[in-house]
Amino acid sequence: MDEGKILDIEIKIISDVKTLLSIKDIWHELEDNSKMYPFNTFEWVVNWWKYFGSGKKLWVLLIVDNYGPIGIAPFMITFGEMGLPVRRIKFIGSNNSDYLDFVVRHGCEDIFYRSLIKYLETVIDQFTVLDLEHLPEDSGIYPYIMGSGLYYDYDVQDICPYIELPSTWDEYLDSLDGKFRRNIKYEIKRYFSKHDGNFMCVTDENEIDDSMDRLIEMHQARWRKRHMPGAFYTKRIRNFHKDVAFDFLERGILSLFELRDKNKTVASLLSYHIGGKRYYYISGYDLNYSRLSVGAVTLGLSIKRSIEVGDEIYDFLRGDEKYKEDWTNNKKRNMRLVVSFPSIAGKFYIYYIIAQNKLINKIKNRFSQD
């Protein structure tokens, strides 16, 4: 672990897995005192690195003041992406995580970000860029970047719908469009009247493996029917999500819902529950039951469960798909923030990356409307 000092703050650089694993308790303690997403938890970061870290350099910054750790920048370094001869400092989890941000102790945001930016100003040279993907628009880093001597630009990367949950299910239903409200109430009632139905959350670690396999198979079957790869198109991706599921179950973060017909699972919904918010990650359903709208039934019942346990937010994560508009009109944004050395080359790198982001967004928008 390398170390440096900025503003009387110690910055410890973690560049190997053994040292990363050794700060598990520190990371968890900071999680308990920070604004957290599932995707900057210790378990998500470590499993992501295990499966997708090959060819990248681990570069996690642990920032410590006189009283102890105040925050973590879960970075990695890549080189040569998309043909650019430049190092990129990125979040671990870039490309297949939804919200990526810093882990910062409440009350320490100012000193954390000032120290971080001062340090990055010494690291970002003419051949290095900071490329932060899926960065929430309310992240604390923006004013500190804007007040630095670095060059920057940003662009919207994701639209993220979410529900501000009321206190009761009936109150939520009353907020929906009348036709959709009647349809979802009818579909839930119809399913349970026609089948020996049961909606449950998997809580037994001995069932997780089989439950994840069922989710993966149902999800992939739907996408194969559309001649598309689906989210779980490689063994590595499948194993990553199964390992995360086991770790999140142990932490109390996993909410893997199943809608059953007797003992048969006809729909599954994978979500993560942290900080009074539920994050809907992915789902799948048995195509033989599609006429009964079991996907919508499962989604509706998972929202109902969130209301019952007192959640404040049901978050659909990134993706502005049309079906989400039936459930909510609220939307927030993820940004792509790119920062470089203030030089001609640095400005070119930023222009290139932002242009690439705009192109990807055009492609995503086309598919989201299908």
Protein backbone atom coordinates (compact mmCIF):
# COMPACT_ATOMS: atom_id res chain seq x y z
CA MET A 1 0.00 0.00 0.00
CA ASP A 2 1.53 3.28 -1.15
CA GLU A 3 0.89 6.47 0.80
CA GLY A 4 0.92 10.20 0.20
CA LYS A 5 -0.07 13.37 2.05
CA ILE A 6 -2.35 16.15 0.81
CA LEU A 7 -3.74 18.92 3.06
CA ASP A 8 -2.54 16.98 6.14
CA ILE A 9 -4.65 14.08 4.92
CA GLU A 10 -3.13 10.68 4.32
CA ILE A 11 -3.96 9.02 1.01
CA LYS A 12 -3.32 5.30 0.92
CA ILE A 13 -3.16 3.67 -2.51
CA ILE A 14 -4.40 0.09 -2.61
CA SER A 15 -3.07 -1.69 -5.66
CA ASP A 16 -3.34 -5.39 -4.82
CA VAL A 17 -6.21 -7.68 -3.91
CA LYS A 18 -4.71 -8.84 -0.62
CA THR A 19 -4.60 -5.28 0.70
CA LEU A 20 -8.07 -4.58 -0.68
CA LEU A 21 -9.46 -7.56 1.23
CA SER A 22 -7.72 -6.35 4.39
CA ILE A 23 -9.80 -3.13 4.51
CA LYS A 24 -13.17 -4.94 4.43
CA ASP A 25 -14.09 -3.83 7.96
CA ILE A 26 -13.05 -0.23 7.23
CA TRP A 27 -15.15 -0.22 4.06
CA HIS A 28 -18.18 -1.63 5.90
CA GLU A 29 -17.85 0.95 8.67
CA LEU A 30 -17.78 3.74 6.10
CA GLU A 31 -20.81 2.23 4.34
CA ASP A 32 -22.76 2.50 7.58
CA ASN A 33 -21.95 6.23 7.73
CA SER A 34 -22.17 7.23 4.06
CA LYS A 35 -24.64 7.61 1.23
CA MET A 36 -24.50 4.17 -0.35
CA TYR A 37 -25.55 2.37 -3.48
CA PRO A 38 -25.34 -1.40 -4.01
CA PHE A 39 -22.64 -0.78 -6.60
CA ASN A 40 -20.09 0.85 -4.31
CA THR A 41 -20.40 -1.73 -1.54
CA PHE A 42 -17.33 -3.76 -0.70
CA GLU A 43 -18.97 -6.97 -1.96
CA TRP A 44 -19.90 -5.57 -5.37
CA VAL A 45 -16.45 -4.02 -5.90
CA VAL A 46 -14.50 -7.12 -4.84
CA ASN A 47 -16.60 -9.50 -6.93
CA TRP A 48 -16.49 -7.17 -9.93
CA TRP A 49 -12.72 -7.05 -9.71
CA LYS A 50 -12.52 -10.84 -9.38
CA TYR A 51 -14.43 -11.39 -12.62
CA PHE A 52 -13.68 -8.30 -14.72
CA GLY A 53 -10.44 -6.83 -13.38
CA SER A 54 -8.12 -8.67 -15.76
CA GLY A 55 -6.00 -6.26 -17.80
CA LYS A 56 -6.74 -3.36 -15.46
CA LYS A 57 -4.78 -1.88 -12.59
CA LEU A 58 -6.32 -1.75 -9.12
CA TRP A 59 -6.03 1.82 -7.75
CA VAL A 60 -8.31 2.28 -4.74
CA LEU A 61 -7.67 5.43 -2.72
CA LEU A 62 -8.33 5.26 1.02
CA ILE A 63 -8.38 8.77 2.49
CA VAL A 64 -7.61 9.15 6.19
CA ASP A 65 -7.59 12.15 8.53
CA ASN A 66 -6.30 12.39 12.10
CA TYR A 67 -9.37 10.58 13.42
CA GLY A 68 -9.46 7.72 10.92
CA PRO A 69 -10.76 6.84 7.42
CA ILE A 70 -13.10 9.43 5.91
CA GLY A 71 -13.69 7.99 2.46
CA ILE A 72 -12.81 5.73 -0.43
CA ALA A 73 -12.36 6.39 -4.13
CA PRO A 74 -12.85 2.91 -5.68
CA PHE A 75 -10.74 3.49 -8.77
CA MET A 76 -8.99 1.37 -11.34
CA ILE A 77 -6.72 2.35 -14.23
CA THR A 78 -7.14 1.20 -17.83
CA PHE A 79 -5.07 1.95 -20.90
CA GLY A 80 -5.81 2.10 -24.61
CA GLU A 81 -9.61 1.88 -24.47
CA MET A 82 -11.28 2.56 -27.84
CA GLY A 83 -7.90 3.17 -29.43
CA LEU A 84 -7.01 6.22 -27.32
CA PRO A 85 -3.33 6.21 -26.21
CA VAL A 86 -4.24 7.41 -22.75
CA ARG A 87 -4.60 6.10 -19.22
CA ARG A 88 -8.10 6.32 -17.80
CA ILE A 89 -8.84 6.53 -14.10
CA LYS A 90 -12.27 4.94 -13.75
CA PHE A 91 -14.59 3.56 -11.13
CA ILE A 92 -14.35 -0.16 -10.50
CA GLY A 93 -17.61 -1.46 -11.94
CA SER A 94 -17.72 0.80 -15.00
CA ASN A 95 -19.95 -0.49 -17.81
CA ASN A 96 -22.06 -3.01 -15.85
CA SER A 97 -22.96 -1.16 -12.66
CA ASP A 98 -25.72 1.42 -12.33
CA TYR A 99 -24.71 4.13 -9.84
CA LEU A 100 -21.01 4.65 -9.23
CA ASP A 101 -19.83 7.16 -6.66
CA PHE A 102 -17.44 7.73 -3.77
CA VAL A 103 -17.86 6.31 -0.26
CA VAL A 104 -17.65 9.39 1.98
CA ARG A 105 -18.30 9.63 5.70
CA HIS A 106 -21.17 11.99 6.52
CA GLY A 107 -19.79 15.37 7.58
CA CYS A 108 -16.41 14.82 5.92
CA GLU A 109 -17.43 15.60 2.34
CA ASP A 110 -15.54 18.89 2.04
CA ILE A 111 -12.16 17.65 3.24
CA PHE A 112 -12.55 14.39 1.32
CA TYR A 113 -13.22 16.04 -2.03
CA ARG A 114 -10.69 18.82 -1.56
CA SER A 115 -7.99 16.27 -0.72
CA LEU A 116 -9.02 13.99 -3.57
CA ILE A 117 -8.96 16.75 -6.19
CA LYS A 118 -5.63 18.13 -4.95
CA TYR A 119 -4.16 14.67 -5.29
CA LEU A 120 -5.68 14.07 -8.73
CA GLU A 121 -4.20 17.36 -9.92
CA THR A 122 -0.77 15.83 -9.26
CA VAL A 123 -1.66 12.58 -11.06
CA ILE A 124 -3.56 13.70 -14.17
CA ASP A 125 -1.01 14.56 -16.83
CA GLN A 126 -1.16 14.94 -20.62
CA PHE A 127 -1.67 11.19 -21.02
CA THR A 128 -4.17 10.57 -18.21
CA VAL A 129 -7.90 11.30 -17.95
CA LEU A 130 -10.41 10.82 -15.18
CA ASP A 131 -13.42 9.12 -16.82
CA LEU A 132 -16.27 8.68 -14.35
CA GLU A 133 -19.24 6.76 -15.74
CA HIS A 134 -22.73 6.38 -14.24
CA LEU A 135 -22.04 9.19 -11.77
CA PRO A 136 -25.26 10.38 -10.07
CA GLU A 137 -26.11 13.98 -10.81
CA ASP A 138 -26.17 14.73 -7.08
CA SER A 139 -22.66 13.41 -6.45
CA GLY A 140 -20.59 15.72 -4.26
CA ILE A 141 -17.60 15.85 -6.62
CA TYR A 142 -18.91 18.29 -9.24
CA PRO A 143 -18.20 21.67 -7.55
CA TYR A 144 -14.71 20.54 -6.57
CA ILE A 145 -13.85 19.52 -10.14
CA MET A 146 -15.27 22.78 -11.44
CA GLY A 147 -13.17 24.75 -8.98
CA SER A 148 -9.96 22.94 -9.86
CA GLY A 149 -7.28 23.73 -12.41
CA LEU A 150 -8.29 20.74 -14.54
CA TYR A 151 -10.26 20.78 -17.78
CA TYR A 152 -13.58 18.94 -17.73
CA ASP A 153 -16.80 18.20 -19.57
CA TYR A 154 -19.82 16.05 -18.84
CA ASP A 155 -22.82 14.56 -20.57
CA VAL A 156 -25.96 12.73 -19.57
CA GLN A 157 -25.25 9.00 -19.65
CA ASP A 158 -28.39 7.43 -18.17
CA ILE A 159 -31.97 8.34 -17.36
CA CYS A 160 -33.01 6.64 -14.12
CA PRO A 161 -36.73 6.44 -13.26
CA TYR A 162 -37.75 6.07 -9.63
CA ILE A 163 -40.83 6.08 -7.41
CA GLU A 164 -41.22 8.23 -4.32
CA LEU A 165 -43.16 5.72 -2.26
CA PRO A 166 -46.24 6.81 -0.29
CA SER A 167 -47.28 5.22 3.00
CA THR A 168 -49.81 2.76 1.55
CA TRP A 169 -50.24 0.58 -1.53
CA ASP A 170 -53.68 2.04 -2.21
CA GLU A 171 -52.27 5.54 -2.15
CA TYR A 172 -49.65 4.51 -4.68
CA LEU A 173 -52.26 2.87 -6.93
CA ASP A 174 -54.33 6.06 -6.83
CA SER A 175 -51.33 7.96 -8.24
CA LEU A 176 -51.24 5.82 -11.39
CA ASP A 177 -53.03 6.36 -14.67
CA GLY A 178 -56.58 5.07 -14.32
CA LYS A 179 -56.39 2.46 -17.07
CA PHE A 180 -53.05 1.10 -15.88
CA ARG A 181 -54.24 1.08 -12.27
CA ARG A 182 -57.27 -1.00 -13.20
CA ASN A 183 -55.14 -3.33 -15.31
CA ILE A 184 -52.53 -4.06 -12.61
CA LYS A 185 -55.21 -4.63 -9.94
CA TYR A 186 -57.02 -6.96 -12.32
CA GLU A 187 -53.87 -8.89 -13.29
CA ILE A 188 -52.84 -9.46 -9.67
CA LYS A 189 -56.33 -10.63 -8.73
CA ARG A 190 -56.62 -12.82 -11.84
CA TYR A 191 -53.31 -14.57 -11.23
CA PHE A 192 -54.11 -15.55 -7.66
CA SER A 193 -57.65 -16.61 -8.54
CA LYS A 194 -56.52 -18.88 -11.38
CA HIS A 195 -53.43 -20.38 -9.69
CA ASP A 196 -52.22 -21.58 -6.33
CA GLY A 197 -50.05 -18.49 -6.25
CA ASN A 198 -47.38 -17.42 -3.81
CA PHE A 199 -45.17 -14.35 -3.84
CA MET A 200 -42.06 -14.72 -1.70
CA CYS A 201 -38.52 -13.53 -1.12
CA VAL A 202 -35.73 -16.11 -1.17
CA THR A 203 -33.97 -16.02 2.19
CA ASP A 204 -32.35 -19.46 2.43
CA GLU A 205 -28.74 -19.49 1.22
CA ASN A 206 -29.23 -23.09 0.11
CA GLU A 207 -31.84 -21.92 -2.39
CA ILE A 208 -29.94 -18.98 -3.86
CA ASP A 209 -28.03 -20.93 -6.49
CA ASP A 210 -31.14 -22.60 -7.94
CA SER A 211 -33.18 -19.41 -7.67
CA MET A 212 -30.55 -17.42 -9.56
CA ASP A 213 -30.39 -20.15 -12.21
CA ARG A 214 -34.15 -19.89 -12.69
CA LEU A 215 -33.99 -16.11 -12.98
CA ILE A 216 -31.15 -16.30 -15.49
CA GLU A 217 -32.86 -18.93 -17.62
CA MET A 218 -36.19 -17.06 -17.75
CA HIS A 219 -34.47 -13.77 -18.53
CA GLN A 220 -32.31 -15.27 -21.27
CA ALA A 221 -35.21 -17.19 -22.86
CA ARG A 222 -37.10 -13.95 -23.45
CA TRP A 223 -34.10 -12.26 -25.04
CA ARG A 224 -33.22 -15.30 -27.14
CA LYS A 225 -36.73 -15.14 -28.54
CA ARG A 226 -35.91 -11.59 -29.67
CA HIS A 227 -32.57 -12.80 -31.13
CA MET A 228 -30.63 -10.71 -28.62
CA PRO A 229 -27.94 -11.78 -26.10
CA GLY A 230 -29.63 -10.77 -22.83
CA ALA A 231 -27.85 -9.60 -19.69
CA PHE A 232 -26.40 -12.99 -18.66
CA TYR A 233 -24.80 -13.92 -21.96
CA THR A 234 -21.51 -15.26 -20.58
CA LYS A 235 -20.64 -17.68 -17.80
CA ARG A 236 -18.45 -15.02 -16.21
CA ILE A 237 -21.38 -12.59 -15.91
CA ARG A 238 -23.63 -15.30 -14.51
CA ASN A 239 -21.07 -16.35 -11.91
CA PHE A 240 -20.45 -12.73 -10.93
CA HIS A 241 -24.10 -12.12 -10.18
CA LYS A 242 -24.46 -15.39 -8.30
CA ASP A 243 -21.47 -14.57 -6.09
CA VAL A 244 -22.86 -11.09 -5.42
CA ALA A 245 -26.22 -12.65 -4.54
CA PHE A 246 -24.65 -14.88 -1.89
CA ASP A 247 -22.64 -12.01 -0.41
CA PHE A 248 -25.59 -9.61 -0.46
CA LEU A 249 -27.83 -12.19 1.22
CA GLU A 250 -25.33 -12.37 4.08
CA ARG A 251 -25.30 -8.56 4.33
CA GLY A 252 -29.10 -8.30 4.22
CA ILE A 253 -29.00 -6.40 0.91
CA LEU A 254 -30.41 -9.07 -1.43
CA SER A 255 -34.12 -9.15 -2.27
CA LEU A 256 -34.70 -11.96 -4.77
CA PHE A 257 -38.45 -12.23 -5.30
CA GLU A 258 -40.24 -15.17 -6.88
CA LEU A 259 -43.84 -15.52 -8.06
CA ARG A 260 -44.84 -19.16 -7.92
CA ASP A 261 -47.61 -21.41 -9.15
CA LYS A 262 -47.59 -24.09 -6.45
CA ASN A 263 -43.90 -25.13 -6.49
CA LYS A 264 -43.13 -23.74 -9.94
CA THR A 265 -41.43 -20.35 -10.25
CA VAL A 266 -43.11 -18.40 -13.04
CA ALA A 267 -41.37 -15.03 -12.54
CA SER A 268 -38.34 -13.70 -10.67
CA LEU A 269 -37.17 -10.20 -9.80
CA LEU A 270 -33.69 -9.44 -8.53
CA SER A 271 -33.42 -6.31 -6.42
CA TYR A 272 -31.11 -4.82 -3.82
CA HIS A 273 -32.28 -3.19 -0.62
CA ILE A 274 -30.07 -0.66 1.14
CA GLY A 275 -30.62 2.57 3.05
CA GLY A 276 -34.43 2.52 2.88
CA LYS A 277 -34.36 2.18 -0.91
CA ARG A 278 -35.02 -0.76 -3.18
CA TYR A 279 -33.08 -1.02 -6.44
CA TYR A 280 -34.79 -3.11 -9.11
CA TYR A 281 -31.95 -4.72 -11.01
CA ILE A 282 -33.36 -7.34 -13.42
CA SER A 283 -36.20 -9.79 -13.86
CA GLY A 284 -37.42 -12.72 -15.90
CA TYR A 285 -40.59 -14.71 -16.39
CA ASP A 286 -41.78 -18.02 -17.81
CA LEU A 287 -42.92 -17.35 -21.38
CA ASN A 288 -45.70 -19.91 -20.97
CA TYR A 289 -47.27 -17.60 -18.39
CA SER A 290 -46.83 -14.37 -20.33
CA ARG A 291 -50.56 -14.09 -21.10
CA LEU A 292 -51.10 -13.68 -17.35
CA SER A 293 -48.72 -10.67 -17.20
CA VAL A 294 -46.66 -12.36 -14.49
CA GLY A 295 -43.78 -9.94 -15.05
CA ALA A 296 -45.96 -6.93 -14.26
CA VAL A 297 -47.60 -8.78 -11.36
CA THR A 298 -44.20 -9.54 -9.82
CA LEU A 299 -43.01 -5.97 -10.27
CA GLY A 300 -46.19 -4.60 -8.71
CA LEU A 301 -45.95 -6.93 -5.74
CA SER A 302 -42.31 -5.99 -5.18
CA ILE A 303 -43.31 -2.31 -5.06
CA LYS A 304 -46.09 -3.22 -2.62
CA ARG A 305 -43.54 -5.04 -0.45
CA SER A 306 -41.31 -1.96 -0.41
CA ILE A 307 -44.20 0.19 0.75
CA GLU A 308 -45.05 -2.32 3.47
CA VAL A 309 -41.52 -2.28 4.90
CA GLY A 310 -41.42 1.53 4.87
CA ASP A 311 -39.05 2.20 1.98
CA GLU A 312 -38.78 5.77 0.73
CA ILE A 313 -37.70 5.05 -2.85
CA TYR A 314 -38.20 2.28 -5.40
CA ASP A 315 -35.44 2.81 -7.94
CA PHE A 316 -35.65 1.38 -11.47
CA LEU A 317 -31.94 2.12 -12.03
CA ARG A 318 -30.64 3.19 -15.41
CA GLY A 319 -32.69 2.78 -18.54
CA ASP A 320 -35.62 4.85 -19.80
CA GLU A 321 -37.67 1.92 -21.10
CA LYS A 322 -41.28 2.68 -21.99
CA TYR A 323 -42.81 0.24 -19.50
CA LYS A 324 -41.33 2.17 -16.56
CA GLU A 325 -43.47 5.17 -17.47
CA ASP A 326 -46.55 3.20 -16.40
CA TRP A 327 -45.19 3.03 -12.85
CA THR A 328 -43.67 6.50 -12.38
CA ASN A 329 -43.02 9.88 -13.95
CA ASN A 330 -40.03 10.69 -11.71
CA LYS A 331 -36.62 10.60 -13.36
CA LYS A 332 -33.08 11.50 -12.41
CA ARG A 333 -29.84 11.36 -14.36
CA ASN A 334 -26.47 9.72 -14.32
CA MET A 335 -23.66 11.72 -15.86
CA ARG A 336 -20.40 10.88 -17.54
CA LEU A 337 -17.80 13.25 -16.14
CA VAL A 338 -14.47 13.40 -17.98
CA VAL A 339 -11.52 15.38 -16.61
CA SER A 340 -8.15 16.01 -18.21
CA PHE A 341 -4.96 18.04 -18.07
CA PRO A 342 -5.65 21.53 -19.50
CA SER A 343 -3.88 20.98 -22.82
CA ILE A 344 -4.86 20.57 -26.46
CA ALA A 345 -4.40 16.81 -26.18
CA GLY A 346 -6.47 16.71 -23.00
CA LYS A 347 -9.32 18.61 -24.60
CA PHE A 348 -9.22 16.25 -27.59
CA TYR A 349 -9.48 13.21 -25.32
CA ILE A 350 -12.51 14.70 -23.61
CA TYR A 351 -14.15 15.60 -26.92
CA TYR A 352 -13.58 12.06 -28.19
CA ILE A 353 -15.01 10.38 -25.06
CA ILE A 354 -18.06 12.66 -24.84
CA ALA A 355 -18.78 12.15 -28.56
CA GLN A 356 -18.58 8.40 -28.00
CA ASN A 357 -21.01 8.72 -25.10
CA LYS A 358 -23.50 10.62 -27.25
CA LEU A 359 -23.34 7.92 -29.93
CA ILE A 360 -23.93 5.15 -27.37
CA ASN A 361 -26.90 7.08 -25.99
CA LYS A 362 -28.49 7.30 -29.43
CA ILE A 363 -28.21 3.53 -29.80
CA LYS A 364 -29.60 2.89 -26.30
CA ASN A 365 -32.51 5.27 -26.86
CA ARG A 366 -33.46 3.43 -30.02
CA PHE A 367 -33.59 0.06 -28.27
CA SER A 368 -35.37 1.43 -25.19
CA GLN A 369 -38.32 2.45 -27.35
CA ASP A 370 -38.69 -1.02 -28.89
